[in-house]
Amino acid sequence: LFQAAGFPPGVFRWLRVSSEQAEGLIADPRVH
């Protein structure tokens, strides 16, 4: 939906990740 509506690539992304992978993302400096 967001892609078809014209949101720039990367502004909204669904991540196909597990809960454990998501936990690891919290410390990533690109996540605020």
PDB file of all heavy atoms in Angstrom:
ATOM      1  N   LEU A   1       0.824  -1.207   0.000  1.00  0.00           N
ATOM      2  CA  LEU A   1       0.000   0.000   0.000  1.00  0.00           C
ATOM      3  C   LEU A   1       0.857   1.255   0.000  1.00  0.00           C
ATOM      4  O   LEU A   1       0.637   2.186  -0.790  1.00  0.00           O
ATOM      5  CB  LEU A   1      -0.903   0.005   1.239  1.00  0.00           C
ATOM      6  CG  LEU A   1      -2.336  -0.469   1.125  1.00  0.00           C
ATOM      7  CD1 LEU A   1      -2.968  -0.534   2.508  1.00  0.00           C
ATOM      8  CD2 LEU A   1      -3.136   0.469   0.244  1.00  0.00           C
ATOM      9  N   PHE A   2       1.829   1.298   0.888  1.00  0.00           N
ATOM     10  CA  PHE A   2       2.677   2.483   0.989  1.00  0.00           C
ATOM     11  C   PHE A   2       3.526   2.659  -0.272  1.00  0.00           C
ATOM     12  O   PHE A   2       3.742   3.785  -0.734  1.00  0.00           O
ATOM     13  CB  PHE A   2       3.562   2.396   2.233  1.00  0.00           C
ATOM     14  CG  PHE A   2       2.832   2.731   3.507  1.00  0.00           C
ATOM     15  CD1 PHE A   2       2.406   1.732   4.363  1.00  0.00           C
ATOM     16  CD2 PHE A   2       2.552   4.041   3.839  1.00  0.00           C
ATOM     17  CE1 PHE A   2       1.721   2.037   5.525  1.00  0.00           C
ATOM     18  CE2 PHE A   2       1.878   4.363   5.003  1.00  0.00           C
ATOM     19  CZ  PHE A   2       1.454   3.358   5.850  1.00  0.00           C
ATOM     20  N   GLN A   3       3.987   1.557  -0.831  1.00  0.00           N
ATOM     21  CA  GLN A   3       4.767   1.654  -2.064  1.00  0.00           C
ATOM     22  C   GLN A   3       3.922   2.196  -3.211  1.00  0.00           C
ATOM     23  O   GLN A   3       4.337   3.098  -3.942  1.00  0.00           O
ATOM     24  CB  GLN A   3       5.336   0.278  -2.416  1.00  0.00           C
ATOM     25  CG  GLN A   3       6.409  -0.217  -1.457  1.00  0.00           C
ATOM     26  CD  GLN A   3       6.816  -1.659  -1.732  1.00  0.00           C
ATOM     27  OE1 GLN A   3       6.160  -2.381  -2.481  1.00  0.00           O
ATOM     28  NE2 GLN A   3       7.903  -2.089  -1.115  1.00  0.00           N
ATOM     29  N   ALA A   4       2.708   1.643  -3.359  1.00  0.00           N
ATOM     30  CA  ALA A   4       1.830   2.058  -4.457  1.00  0.00           C
ATOM     31  C   ALA A   4       1.376   3.503  -4.313  1.00  0.00           C
ATOM     32  O   ALA A   4       1.085   4.169  -5.313  1.00  0.00           O
ATOM     33  CB  ALA A   4       0.616   1.127  -4.526  1.00  0.00           C
ATOM     34  N   ALA A   5       1.318   3.994  -3.073  1.00  0.00           N
ATOM     35  CA  ALA A   5       0.873   5.373  -2.834  1.00  0.00           C
ATOM     36  C   ALA A   5       1.950   6.394  -3.128  1.00  0.00           C
ATOM     37  O   ALA A   5       1.681   7.601  -3.104  1.00  0.00           O
ATOM     38  CB  ALA A   5       0.400   5.520  -1.387  1.00  0.00           C
ATOM     39  N   GLY A   6       3.181   5.935  -3.381  1.00  0.00           N
ATOM     40  CA  GLY A   6       4.237   6.861  -3.745  1.00  0.00           C
ATOM     41  C   GLY A   6       5.154   7.291  -2.624  1.00  0.00           C
ATOM     42  O   GLY A   6       5.885   8.283  -2.775  1.00  0.00           O
ATOM     43  N   PHE A   7       5.150   6.583  -1.499  1.00  0.00           N
ATOM     44  CA  PHE A   7       6.134   6.900  -0.463  1.00  0.00           C
ATOM     45  C   PHE A   7       7.527   6.576  -0.991  1.00  0.00           C
ATOM     46  O   PHE A   7       7.715   5.552  -1.660  1.00  0.00           O
ATOM     47  CB  PHE A   7       5.854   6.098   0.812  1.00  0.00           C
ATOM     48  CG  PHE A   7       4.848   6.749   1.710  1.00  0.00           C
ATOM     49  CD1 PHE A   7       3.485   6.560   1.501  1.00  0.00           C
ATOM     50  CD2 PHE A   7       5.244   7.560   2.758  1.00  0.00           C
ATOM     51  CE1 PHE A   7       2.553   7.170   2.316  1.00  0.00           C
ATOM     52  CE2 PHE A   7       4.320   8.174   3.583  1.00  0.00           C
ATOM     53  CZ  PHE A   7       2.972   7.978   3.357  1.00  0.00           C
ATOM     54  N   PRO A   8       8.520   7.400  -0.719  1.00  0.00           N
ATOM     55  CA  PRO A   8       9.868   7.125  -1.212  1.00  0.00           C
ATOM     56  C   PRO A   8      10.372   5.775  -0.703  1.00  0.00           C
ATOM     57  O   PRO A   8      10.058   5.377   0.431  1.00  0.00           O
ATOM     58  CB  PRO A   8      10.699   8.277  -0.629  1.00  0.00           C
ATOM     59  CG  PRO A   8       9.708   9.377  -0.395  1.00  0.00           C
ATOM     60  CD  PRO A   8       8.440   8.694  -0.007  1.00  0.00           C
ATOM     61  N   PRO A   9      11.139   5.056  -1.509  1.00  0.00           N
ATOM     62  CA  PRO A   9      11.675   3.763  -1.072  1.00  0.00           C
ATOM     63  C   PRO A   9      12.442   3.894   0.239  1.00  0.00           C
ATOM     64  O   PRO A   9      13.263   4.791   0.404  1.00  0.00           O
ATOM     65  CB  PRO A   9      12.608   3.372  -2.221  1.00  0.00           C
ATOM     66  CG  PRO A   9      12.054   4.088  -3.418  1.00  0.00           C
ATOM     67  CD  PRO A   9      11.535   5.385  -2.889  1.00  0.00           C
ATOM     68  N   GLY A  10      12.117   3.010   1.159  1.00  0.00           N
ATOM     69  CA  GLY A  10      12.808   2.998   2.448  1.00  0.00           C
ATOM     70  C   GLY A  10      12.101   3.746   3.549  1.00  0.00           C
ATOM     71  O   GLY A  10      12.409   3.549   4.730  1.00  0.00           O
ATOM     72  N   VAL A  11      11.146   4.606   3.217  1.00  0.00           N
ATOM     73  CA  VAL A  11      10.456   5.372   4.263  1.00  0.00           C
ATOM     74  C   VAL A  11       9.569   4.470   5.106  1.00  0.00           C
ATOM     75  O   VAL A  11       9.437   4.659   6.319  1.00  0.00           O
ATOM     76  CB  VAL A  11       9.647   6.525   3.633  1.00  0.00           C
ATOM     77  CG1 VAL A  11       8.731   7.182   4.665  1.00  0.00           C
ATOM     78  CG2 VAL A  11      10.592   7.557   3.054  1.00  0.00           C
ATOM     79  N   PHE A  12       8.966   3.464   4.479  1.00  0.00           N
ATOM     80  CA  PHE A  12       8.200   2.453   5.217  1.00  0.00           C
ATOM     81  C   PHE A  12       8.647   1.088   4.732  1.00  0.00           C
ATOM     82  O   PHE A  12       8.507   0.762   3.558  1.00  0.00           O
ATOM     83  CB  PHE A  12       6.693   2.619   4.986  1.00  0.00           C
ATOM     84  CG  PHE A  12       5.845   1.633   5.761  1.00  0.00           C
ATOM     85  CD1 PHE A  12       5.235   2.017   6.951  1.00  0.00           C
ATOM     86  CD2 PHE A  12       5.686   0.318   5.327  1.00  0.00           C
ATOM     87  CE1 PHE A  12       4.477   1.109   7.676  1.00  0.00           C
ATOM     88  CE2 PHE A  12       4.931  -0.591   6.049  1.00  0.00           C
ATOM     89  CZ  PHE A  12       4.324  -0.192   7.220  1.00  0.00           C
ATOM     90  N   ARG A  13       9.198   0.270   5.653  1.00  0.00           N
ATOM     91  CA  ARG A  13       9.660  -1.066   5.280  1.00  0.00           C
ATOM     92  C   ARG A  13       9.104  -2.100   6.254  1.00  0.00           C
ATOM     93  O   ARG A  13       9.128  -1.907   7.479  1.00  0.00           O
ATOM     94  CB  ARG A  13      11.190  -1.159   5.324  1.00  0.00           C
ATOM     95  CG  ARG A  13      11.915  -0.413   4.239  1.00  0.00           C
ATOM     96  CD  ARG A  13      11.569  -0.901   2.836  1.00  0.00           C
ATOM     97  NE  ARG A  13      11.683  -2.328   2.646  1.00  0.00           N
ATOM     98  CZ  ARG A  13      12.757  -2.959   2.137  1.00  0.00           C
ATOM     99  NH1 ARG A  13      13.833  -2.248   1.806  1.00  0.00           N
ATOM    100  NH2 ARG A  13      12.753  -4.251   1.946  1.00  0.00           N
ATOM    101  N   TRP A  14       8.598  -3.180   5.685  1.00  0.00           N
ATOM    102  CA  TRP A  14       8.266  -4.361   6.492  1.00  0.00           C
ATOM    103  C   TRP A  14       9.499  -5.251   6.531  1.00  0.00           C
ATOM    104  O   TRP A  14      10.047  -5.624   5.497  1.00  0.00           O
ATOM    105  CB  TRP A  14       7.091  -5.109   5.872  1.00  0.00           C
ATOM    106  CG  TRP A  14       6.888  -6.498   6.434  1.00  0.00           C
ATOM    107  CD1 TRP A  14       6.925  -6.866   7.746  1.00  0.00           C
ATOM    108  CD2 TRP A  14       6.630  -7.695   5.695  1.00  0.00           C
ATOM    109  NE1 TRP A  14       6.701  -8.218   7.875  1.00  0.00           N
ATOM    110  CE2 TRP A  14       6.505  -8.747   6.632  1.00  0.00           C
ATOM    111  CE3 TRP A  14       6.470  -7.972   4.335  1.00  0.00           C
ATOM    112  CZ2 TRP A  14       6.251 -10.076   6.246  1.00  0.00           C
ATOM    113  CZ3 TRP A  14       6.210  -9.280   3.955  1.00  0.00           C
ATOM    114  CH2 TRP A  14       6.097 -10.307   4.891  1.00  0.00           C
ATOM    115  N   LEU A  15       9.930  -5.592   7.737  1.00  0.00           N
ATOM    116  CA  LEU A  15      11.107  -6.426   7.931  1.00  0.00           C
ATOM    117  C   LEU A  15      10.682  -7.867   8.184  1.00  0.00           C
ATOM    118  O   LEU A  15       9.955  -8.151   9.138  1.00  0.00           O
ATOM    119  CB  LEU A  15      11.930  -5.918   9.125  1.00  0.00           C
ATOM    120  CG  LEU A  15      12.312  -4.441   9.113  1.00  0.00           C
ATOM    121  CD1 LEU A  15      13.119  -4.104  10.366  1.00  0.00           C
ATOM    122  CD2 LEU A  15      13.086  -4.082   7.850  1.00  0.00           C
ATOM    123  N   ARG A  16      11.130  -8.767   7.359  1.00  0.00           N
ATOM    124  CA  ARG A  16      10.816 -10.190   7.521  1.00  0.00           C
ATOM    125  C   ARG A  16      11.837 -10.805   8.477  1.00  0.00           C
ATOM    126  O   ARG A  16      12.773 -11.503   8.073  1.00  0.00           O
ATOM    127  CB  ARG A  16      10.828 -10.900   6.174  1.00  0.00           C
ATOM    128  CG  ARG A  16       9.859 -10.317   5.165  1.00  0.00           C
ATOM    129  CD  ARG A  16       9.836 -11.113   3.874  1.00  0.00           C
ATOM    130  NE  ARG A  16       9.080 -10.435   2.836  1.00  0.00           N
ATOM    131  CZ  ARG A  16       8.807 -10.947   1.645  1.00  0.00           C
ATOM    132  NH1 ARG A  16       9.245 -12.166   1.343  1.00  0.00           N
ATOM    133  NH2 ARG A  16       8.118 -10.270   0.756  1.00  0.00           N
ATOM    134  N   VAL A  17      11.634 -10.508   9.751  1.00  0.00           N
ATOM    135  CA  VAL A  17      12.615 -10.910  10.757  1.00  0.00           C
ATOM    136  C   VAL A  17      11.913 -11.593  11.926  1.00  0.00           C
ATOM    137  O   VAL A  17      10.714 -11.430  12.142  1.00  0.00           O
ATOM    138  CB  VAL A  17      13.421  -9.695  11.273  1.00  0.00           C
ATOM    139  CG1 VAL A  17      14.213  -9.065  10.141  1.00  0.00           C
ATOM    140  CG2 VAL A  17      12.510  -8.668  11.934  1.00  0.00           C
ATOM    141  N   SER A  18      12.682 -12.343  12.685  1.00  0.00           N
ATOM    142  CA  SER A  18      12.194 -12.976  13.901  1.00  0.00           C
ATOM    143  C   SER A  18      12.224 -11.979  15.053  1.00  0.00           C
ATOM    144  O   SER A  18      12.790 -10.882  14.936  1.00  0.00           O
ATOM    145  CB  SER A  18      13.082 -14.178  14.249  1.00  0.00           C
ATOM    146  OG  SER A  18      14.396 -13.723  14.582  1.00  0.00           O
ATOM    147  N   SER A  19      11.634 -12.382  16.165  1.00  0.00           N
ATOM    148  CA  SER A  19      11.682 -11.529  17.359  1.00  0.00           C
ATOM    149  C   SER A  19      13.114 -11.320  17.816  1.00  0.00           C
ATOM    150  O   SER A  19      13.486 -10.222  18.264  1.00  0.00           O
ATOM    151  CB  SER A  19      10.850 -12.163  18.484  1.00  0.00           C
ATOM    152  OG  SER A  19       9.490 -12.237  18.111  1.00  0.00           O
ATOM    153  N   GLU A  20      13.937 -12.353  17.714  1.00  0.00           N
ATOM    154  CA  GLU A  20      15.329 -12.237  18.124  1.00  0.00           C
ATOM    155  C   GLU A  20      16.077 -11.243  17.227  1.00  0.00           C
ATOM    156  O   GLU A  20      16.885 -10.435  17.715  1.00  0.00           O
ATOM    157  CB  GLU A  20      16.008 -13.605  18.072  1.00  0.00           C
ATOM    158  CG  GLU A  20      15.526 -14.601  19.117  1.00  0.00           C
ATOM    159  CD  GLU A  20      14.138 -15.162  18.806  1.00  0.00           C
ATOM    160  OE1 GLU A  20      13.707 -15.084  17.622  1.00  0.00           O
ATOM    161  OE2 GLU A  20      13.485 -15.672  19.736  1.00  0.00           O
ATOM    162  N   GLN A  21      15.814 -11.295  15.927  1.00  0.00           N
ATOM    163  CA  GLN A  21      16.445 -10.326  15.030  1.00  0.00           C
ATOM    164  C   GLN A  21      15.985  -8.903  15.335  1.00  0.00           C
ATOM    165  O   GLN A  21      16.781  -7.956  15.292  1.00  0.00           O
ATOM    166  CB  GLN A  21      16.123 -10.676  13.575  1.00  0.00           C
ATOM    167  CG  GLN A  21      16.837 -11.897  13.036  1.00  0.00           C
ATOM    168  CD  GLN A  21      16.339 -12.265  11.649  1.00  0.00           C
ATOM    169  OE1 GLN A  21      15.173 -12.605  11.466  1.00  0.00           O
ATOM    170  NE2 GLN A  21      17.228 -12.182  10.658  1.00  0.00           N
ATOM    171  N   ALA A  22      14.708  -8.764  15.645  1.00  0.00           N
ATOM    172  CA  ALA A  22      14.184  -7.437  15.971  1.00  0.00           C
ATOM    173  C   ALA A  22      14.830  -6.890  17.233  1.00  0.00           C
ATOM    174  O   ALA A  22      15.127  -5.687  17.315  1.00  0.00           O
ATOM    175  CB  ALA A  22      12.670  -7.503  16.134  1.00  0.00           C
ATOM    176  N   GLU A  23      15.049  -7.753  18.207  1.00  0.00           N
ATOM    177  CA  GLU A  23      15.724  -7.310  19.429  1.00  0.00           C
ATOM    178  C   GLU A  23      17.113  -6.761  19.109  1.00  0.00           C
ATOM    179  O   GLU A  23      17.545  -5.745  19.672  1.00  0.00           O
ATOM    180  CB  GLU A  23      15.821  -8.458  20.426  1.00  0.00           C
ATOM    181  CG  GLU A  23      14.504  -8.830  21.079  1.00  0.00           C
ATOM    182  CD  GLU A  23      14.662  -9.910  22.130  1.00  0.00           C
ATOM    183  OE1 GLU A  23      15.818 -10.390  22.317  1.00  0.00           O
ATOM    184  OE2 GLU A  23      13.656 -10.276  22.770  1.00  0.00           O
ATOM    185  N   GLY A  24      17.805  -7.414  18.193  1.00  0.00           N
ATOM    186  CA  GLY A  24      19.129  -6.951  17.824  1.00  0.00           C
ATOM    187  C   GLY A  24      19.118  -5.588  17.154  1.00  0.00           C
ATOM    188  O   GLY A  24      20.093  -4.830  17.246  1.00  0.00           O
ATOM    189  N   LEU A  25      18.004  -5.257  16.488  1.00  0.00           N
ATOM    190  CA  LEU A  25      17.909  -3.974  15.806  1.00  0.00           C
ATOM    191  C   LEU A  25      17.832  -2.790  16.756  1.00  0.00           C
ATOM    192  O   LEU A  25      18.167  -1.664  16.385  1.00  0.00           O
ATOM    193  CB  LEU A  25      16.671  -3.952  14.902  1.00  0.00           C
ATOM    194  CG  LEU A  25      16.721  -4.793  13.633  1.00  0.00           C
ATOM    195  CD1 LEU A  25      15.370  -4.756  12.937  1.00  0.00           C
ATOM    196  CD2 LEU A  25      17.817  -4.282  12.706  1.00  0.00           C
ATOM    197  N   ILE A  26      17.361  -3.036  17.970  1.00  0.00           N
ATOM    198  CA  ILE A  26      17.143  -1.921  18.899  1.00  0.00           C
ATOM    199  C   ILE A  26      18.440  -1.172  19.182  1.00  0.00           C
ATOM    200  O   ILE A  26      18.446   0.052  19.339  1.00  0.00           O
ATOM    201  CB  ILE A  26      16.485  -2.442  20.195  1.00  0.00           C
ATOM    202  CG1 ILE A  26      15.075  -2.971  19.870  1.00  0.00           C
ATOM    203  CG2 ILE A  26      16.414  -1.343  21.259  1.00  0.00           C
ATOM    204  CD1 ILE A  26      14.380  -3.623  21.049  1.00  0.00           C
ATOM    205  N   ALA A  27      19.546  -1.887  19.214  1.00  0.00           N
ATOM    206  CA  ALA A  27      20.835  -1.239  19.488  1.00  0.00           C
ATOM    207  C   ALA A  27      21.452  -0.610  18.241  1.00  0.00           C
ATOM    208  O   ALA A  27      22.433   0.135  18.361  1.00  0.00           O
ATOM    209  CB  ALA A  27      21.808  -2.257  20.080  1.00  0.00           C
ATOM    210  N   ASP A  28      20.905  -0.879  17.067  1.00  0.00           N
ATOM    211  CA  ASP A  28      21.483  -0.354  15.832  1.00  0.00           C
ATOM    212  C   ASP A  28      21.377   1.173  15.817  1.00  0.00           C
ATOM    213  O   ASP A  28      20.302   1.727  16.077  1.00  0.00           O
ATOM    214  CB  ASP A  28      20.737  -0.946  14.628  1.00  0.00           C
ATOM    215  CG  ASP A  28      21.463  -0.692  13.315  1.00  0.00           C
ATOM    216  OD1 ASP A  28      21.580   0.482  12.920  1.00  0.00           O
ATOM    217  OD2 ASP A  28      21.915  -1.667  12.705  1.00  0.00           O
ATOM    218  N   PRO A  29      22.449   1.872  15.529  1.00  0.00           N
ATOM    219  CA  PRO A  29      22.405   3.342  15.556  1.00  0.00           C
ATOM    220  C   PRO A  29      21.478   3.946  14.499  1.00  0.00           C
ATOM    221  O   PRO A  29      21.125   5.122  14.605  1.00  0.00           O
ATOM    222  CB  PRO A  29      23.863   3.742  15.307  1.00  0.00           C
ATOM    223  CG  PRO A  29      24.499   2.555  14.667  1.00  0.00           C
ATOM    224  CD  PRO A  29      23.808   1.370  15.236  1.00  0.00           C
ATOM    225  N   ARG A  30      21.071   3.170  13.519  1.00  0.00           N
ATOM    226  CA  ARG A  30      20.140   3.683  12.503  1.00  0.00           C
ATOM    227  C   ARG A  30      18.688   3.606  12.956  1.00  0.00           C
ATOM    228  O   ARG A  30      17.798   4.089  12.253  1.00  0.00           O
ATOM    229  CB  ARG A  30      20.337   2.905  11.199  1.00  0.00           C
ATOM    230  CG  ARG A  30      21.671   3.166  10.528  1.00  0.00           C
ATOM    231  CD  ARG A  30      21.995   2.137   9.476  1.00  0.00           C
ATOM    232  NE  ARG A  30      22.229   0.815  10.054  1.00  0.00           N
ATOM    233  CZ  ARG A  30      22.708  -0.243   9.377  1.00  0.00           C
ATOM    234  NH1 ARG A  30      22.999  -0.099   8.085  1.00  0.00           N
ATOM    235  NH2 ARG A  30      22.886  -1.400   9.971  1.00  0.00           N
ATOM    236  N   VAL A  31      18.465   3.002  14.110  1.00  0.00           N
ATOM    237  CA  VAL A  31      17.134   2.975  14.739  1.00  0.00           C
ATOM    238  C   VAL A  31      17.166   3.955  15.905  1.00  0.00           C
ATOM    239  O   VAL A  31      18.020   3.862  16.785  1.00  0.00           O
ATOM    240  CB  VAL A  31      16.773   1.563  15.221  1.00  0.00           C
ATOM    241  CG1 VAL A  31      15.502   1.583  16.057  1.00  0.00           C
ATOM    242  CG2 VAL A  31      16.606   0.619  14.028  1.00  0.00           C
ATOM    243  N   HIS A  32      16.221   4.902  15.930  1.00  0.00           N
ATOM    244  CA  HIS A  32      16.275   5.981  16.911  1.00  0.00           C
ATOM    245  C   HIS A  32      15.229   5.860  18.016  1.00  0.00           C
ATOM    246  O   HIS A  32      15.323   6.572  19.025  1.00  0.00           O
ATOM    247  CB  HIS A  32      16.125   7.326  16.204  1.00  0.00           C
ATOM    248  CG  HIS A  32      17.154   7.517  15.130  1.00  0.00           C
ATOM    249  ND1 HIS A  32      16.886   7.302  13.793  1.00  0.00           N
ATOM    250  CD2 HIS A  32      18.469   7.862  15.208  1.00  0.00           C
ATOM    251  CE1 HIS A  32      17.985   7.533  13.087  1.00  0.00           C
ATOM    252  NE2 HIS A  32      18.954   7.878  13.913  1.00  0.00           N
TER     253      HIS A  32
END
